[in-house]
Amino acid sequence: MSDLGNKEIIAKNIRHYMSLYNVTQTEICNTLGFKMPTFSDWINARTYPRIDKIELLANYFGISKSDLVEDPSSETKEKKELR
């Protein structure tokens, strides 16, 4: 089964990159123009962001969209990294 569209995975990944780059919800929302309640729903796995918002987040963190939407512990990702 595909992990794409999984609210819990994207929420975990967004929180991971926020922690990694030491940025707050407020900083991201101010920079990217997101509404705070909407962003809060994403990082608390209540809703899933649209693809254009995922792309903005990926660009903000300097990562690929797949880094946000895929489970980093999944077997598929591990195989990609071995190539």
N, C-alpha and C. Protein backbone atom coordinates (compact mmCIF):
# COMPACT_ATOMS: atom_id res chain seq x y z
N MET A 1 0.84 -1.19 0.00
CA MET A 1 0.00 0.00 0.00
C MET A 1 0.88 1.25 0.00
N SER A 2 0.48 2.24 -0.75
CA SER A 2 1.25 3.47 -0.88
C SER A 2 1.13 4.35 0.36
N ASP A 3 2.22 5.03 0.71
CA ASP A 3 2.20 5.97 1.82
C ASP A 3 1.73 7.34 1.38
N LEU A 4 1.62 7.56 0.07
CA LEU A 4 1.22 8.87 -0.44
C LEU A 4 -0.17 9.21 0.06
N GLY A 5 -0.34 10.43 0.54
CA GLY A 5 -1.62 10.85 1.06
C GLY A 5 -1.82 10.53 2.53
N ASN A 6 -0.80 10.00 3.18
CA ASN A 6 -0.90 9.64 4.58
C ASN A 6 -0.62 10.87 5.45
N LYS A 7 -1.65 11.33 6.16
CA LYS A 7 -1.53 12.55 6.97
C LYS A 7 -0.50 12.41 8.09
N GLU A 8 -0.41 11.23 8.68
CA GLU A 8 0.53 11.03 9.78
C GLU A 8 1.97 11.11 9.30
N ILE A 9 2.24 10.55 8.13
CA ILE A 9 3.61 10.57 7.61
C ILE A 9 4.04 11.99 7.27
N ILE A 10 3.21 12.73 6.56
CA ILE A 10 3.62 14.09 6.20
C ILE A 10 3.74 14.96 7.44
N ALA A 11 2.86 14.76 8.42
CA ALA A 11 2.95 15.53 9.66
C ALA A 11 4.28 15.27 10.36
N LYS A 12 4.65 13.99 10.46
CA LYS A 12 5.91 13.62 11.10
C LYS A 12 7.10 14.21 10.35
N ASN A 13 7.05 14.16 9.01
CA ASN A 13 8.16 14.67 8.21
C ASN A 13 8.28 16.19 8.31
N ILE A 14 7.16 16.90 8.30
CA ILE A 14 7.21 18.36 8.45
C ILE A 14 7.81 18.71 9.81
N ARG A 15 7.34 18.05 10.85
CA ARG A 15 7.88 18.31 12.20
C ARG A 15 9.37 18.00 12.27
N HIS A 16 9.78 16.93 11.60
CA HIS A 16 11.21 16.57 11.57
C HIS A 16 12.04 17.69 10.96
N TYR A 17 11.62 18.18 9.80
CA TYR A 17 12.40 19.24 9.14
C TYR A 17 12.31 20.57 9.89
N MET A 18 11.20 20.82 10.55
CA MET A 18 11.12 22.02 11.39
C MET A 18 12.15 21.95 12.51
N SER A 19 12.27 20.77 13.11
CA SER A 19 13.23 20.58 14.18
C SER A 19 14.66 20.64 13.65
N LEU A 20 14.90 19.98 12.52
CA LEU A 20 16.22 19.94 11.93
C LEU A 20 16.74 21.34 11.60
N TYR A 21 15.86 22.17 11.07
CA TYR A 21 16.25 23.53 10.68
C TYR A 21 15.90 24.58 11.74
N ASN A 22 15.40 24.11 12.88
CA ASN A 22 15.09 24.98 14.01
C ASN A 22 14.20 26.16 13.60
N VAL A 23 13.08 25.86 12.95
CA VAL A 23 12.12 26.89 12.56
C VAL A 23 10.78 26.62 13.23
N THR A 24 10.04 27.68 13.47
CA THR A 24 8.75 27.57 14.14
C THR A 24 7.61 27.63 13.12
N GLN A 25 6.43 27.26 13.57
CA GLN A 25 5.23 27.38 12.75
C GLN A 25 5.07 28.82 12.28
N THR A 26 5.26 29.75 13.18
CA THR A 26 5.08 31.16 12.86
C THR A 26 6.03 31.59 11.76
N GLU A 27 7.29 31.19 11.85
CA GLU A 27 8.27 31.55 10.82
C GLU A 27 7.87 31.00 9.46
N ILE A 28 7.46 29.74 9.42
CA ILE A 28 7.05 29.13 8.16
C ILE A 28 5.81 29.81 7.60
N CYS A 29 4.82 30.02 8.44
CA CYS A 29 3.58 30.65 7.99
C CYS A 29 3.83 32.06 7.48
N ASN A 30 4.65 32.81 8.18
CA ASN A 30 4.96 34.18 7.74
C ASN A 30 5.72 34.18 6.42
N THR A 31 6.67 33.28 6.27
CA THR A 31 7.49 33.23 5.06
C THR A 31 6.70 32.74 3.85
N LEU A 32 5.90 31.71 4.05
CA LEU A 32 5.21 31.07 2.93
C LEU A 32 3.77 31.52 2.74
N GLY A 33 3.27 32.32 3.68
CA GLY A 33 1.91 32.84 3.55
C GLY A 33 0.82 31.85 3.93
N PHE A 34 1.16 30.85 4.73
CA PHE A 34 0.16 29.88 5.18
C PHE A 34 -0.60 30.46 6.36
N LYS A 35 -1.85 30.07 6.50
CA LYS A 35 -2.62 30.44 7.69
C LYS A 35 -2.22 29.49 8.82
N MET A 36 -2.04 30.03 10.00
CA MET A 36 -1.58 29.24 11.14
C MET A 36 -2.49 28.04 11.43
N PRO A 37 -3.83 28.20 11.46
CA PRO A 37 -4.67 27.02 11.74
C PRO A 37 -4.52 25.92 10.69
N THR A 38 -4.35 26.31 9.44
CA THR A 38 -4.17 25.34 8.36
C THR A 38 -2.87 24.58 8.56
N PHE A 39 -1.79 25.29 8.81
CA PHE A 39 -0.49 24.65 9.02
C PHE A 39 -0.54 23.74 10.25
N SER A 40 -1.19 24.21 11.29
CA SER A 40 -1.33 23.41 12.50
C SER A 40 -2.06 22.10 12.21
N ASP A 41 -3.08 22.16 11.37
CA ASP A 41 -3.79 20.94 10.99
C ASP A 41 -2.86 19.97 10.27
N TRP A 42 -1.97 20.48 9.44
CA TRP A 42 -1.03 19.61 8.72
C TRP A 42 -0.08 18.91 9.69
N ILE A 43 0.52 19.67 10.61
CA ILE A 43 1.53 19.07 11.48
C ILE A 43 0.93 18.25 12.61
N ASN A 44 -0.39 18.34 12.77
CA ASN A 44 -1.07 17.51 13.75
C ASN A 44 -1.88 16.40 13.09
N ALA A 45 -1.63 16.18 11.80
CA ALA A 45 -2.22 15.08 11.02
C ALA A 45 -3.74 15.12 10.96
N ARG A 46 -4.31 16.32 10.99
CA ARG A 46 -5.76 16.44 10.84
C ARG A 46 -6.16 16.58 9.37
N THR A 47 -5.31 17.25 8.59
CA THR A 47 -5.58 17.41 7.16
C THR A 47 -4.28 17.21 6.39
N TYR A 48 -4.41 17.09 5.08
CA TYR A 48 -3.26 16.86 4.20
C TYR A 48 -3.12 18.05 3.27
N PRO A 49 -1.93 18.62 3.16
CA PRO A 49 -1.76 19.81 2.30
C PRO A 49 -1.90 19.48 0.82
N ARG A 50 -2.34 20.47 0.05
CA ARG A 50 -2.40 20.32 -1.40
C ARG A 50 -0.97 20.25 -1.94
N ILE A 51 -0.85 19.71 -3.16
CA ILE A 51 0.47 19.49 -3.75
C ILE A 51 1.24 20.80 -3.91
N ASP A 52 0.57 21.91 -4.20
CA ASP A 52 1.29 23.18 -4.34
C ASP A 52 1.89 23.62 -3.01
N LYS A 53 1.21 23.31 -1.92
CA LYS A 53 1.73 23.66 -0.59
C LYS A 53 2.89 22.73 -0.21
N ILE A 54 2.77 21.47 -0.60
CA ILE A 54 3.87 20.51 -0.36
C ILE A 54 5.12 20.98 -1.11
N GLU A 55 4.92 21.45 -2.33
CA GLU A 55 6.05 21.94 -3.12
C GLU A 55 6.68 23.18 -2.47
N LEU A 56 5.87 24.09 -1.97
CA LEU A 56 6.41 25.26 -1.26
C LEU A 56 7.23 24.85 -0.04
N LEU A 57 6.70 23.90 0.73
CA LEU A 57 7.43 23.41 1.90
C LEU A 57 8.74 22.74 1.52
N ALA A 58 8.69 21.92 0.48
CA ALA A 58 9.91 21.23 0.03
C ALA A 58 10.96 22.24 -0.40
N ASN A 59 10.55 23.25 -1.15
CA ASN A 59 11.49 24.29 -1.58
C ASN A 59 12.03 25.07 -0.39
N TYR A 60 11.18 25.35 0.58
CA TYR A 60 11.58 26.08 1.79
C TYR A 60 12.69 25.32 2.52
N PHE A 61 12.52 24.00 2.64
CA PHE A 61 13.51 23.19 3.36
C PHE A 61 14.66 22.73 2.46
N GLY A 62 14.56 22.95 1.16
CA GLY A 62 15.61 22.52 0.24
C GLY A 62 15.64 21.01 0.06
N ILE A 63 14.47 20.39 0.06
CA ILE A 63 14.35 18.94 -0.07
C ILE A 63 13.40 18.61 -1.21
N SER A 64 13.26 17.34 -1.53
CA SER A 64 12.31 16.95 -2.57
C SER A 64 10.93 16.73 -1.93
N LYS A 65 9.91 16.81 -2.76
CA LYS A 65 8.55 16.58 -2.26
C LYS A 65 8.43 15.18 -1.66
N SER A 66 9.13 14.23 -2.25
CA SER A 66 9.05 12.86 -1.72
C SER A 66 9.58 12.76 -0.30
N ASP A 67 10.53 13.64 0.06
CA ASP A 67 11.03 13.64 1.44
C ASP A 67 9.94 14.00 2.44
N LEU A 68 8.92 14.73 1.98
CA LEU A 68 7.81 15.10 2.86
C LEU A 68 6.69 14.06 2.86
N VAL A 69 6.43 13.45 1.72
CA VAL A 69 5.25 12.61 1.62
C VAL A 69 5.51 11.12 1.83
N GLU A 70 6.77 10.71 1.81
CA GLU A 70 7.08 9.29 1.97
C GLU A 70 7.61 9.00 3.37
N ASP A 71 7.34 7.80 3.82
CA ASP A 71 7.83 7.36 5.12
C ASP A 71 9.32 7.10 5.02
N PRO A 72 10.14 7.84 5.78
CA PRO A 72 11.60 7.67 5.67
C PRO A 72 12.07 6.29 6.10
N SER A 73 11.27 5.57 6.85
CA SER A 73 11.68 4.24 7.30
C SER A 73 11.15 3.15 6.38
N SER A 74 10.46 3.54 5.30
CA SER A 74 9.88 2.53 4.42
C SER A 74 10.96 1.83 3.61
N GLU A 75 10.68 0.62 3.23
CA GLU A 75 11.61 -0.19 2.46
C GLU A 75 11.91 0.44 1.11
N THR A 76 10.92 1.06 0.49
CA THR A 76 11.08 1.69 -0.82
C THR A 76 12.13 2.79 -0.76
N LYS A 77 12.06 3.62 0.25
CA LYS A 77 13.01 4.73 0.38
C LYS A 77 14.43 4.19 0.59
N GLU A 78 14.54 3.16 1.40
CA GLU A 78 15.87 2.57 1.65
C GLU A 78 16.48 2.04 0.36
N LYS A 79 15.67 1.43 -0.47
CA LYS A 79 16.18 0.89 -1.74
C LYS A 79 16.64 2.02 -2.64
N LYS A 80 15.92 3.14 -2.66
CA LYS A 80 16.31 4.29 -3.49
C LYS A 80 17.66 4.83 -3.04
N GLU A 81 17.87 4.88 -1.73
CA GLU A 81 19.10 5.45 -1.21
C GLU A 81 20.31 4.57 -1.50
N LEU A 82 20.09 3.28 -1.72
CA LEU A 82 21.19 2.38 -2.00
C LEU A 82 21.69 2.47 -3.43
N ARG A 83 20.90 3.09 -4.30
CA ARG A 83 21.29 3.21 -5.72
C ARG A 83 22.41 4.17 -5.91
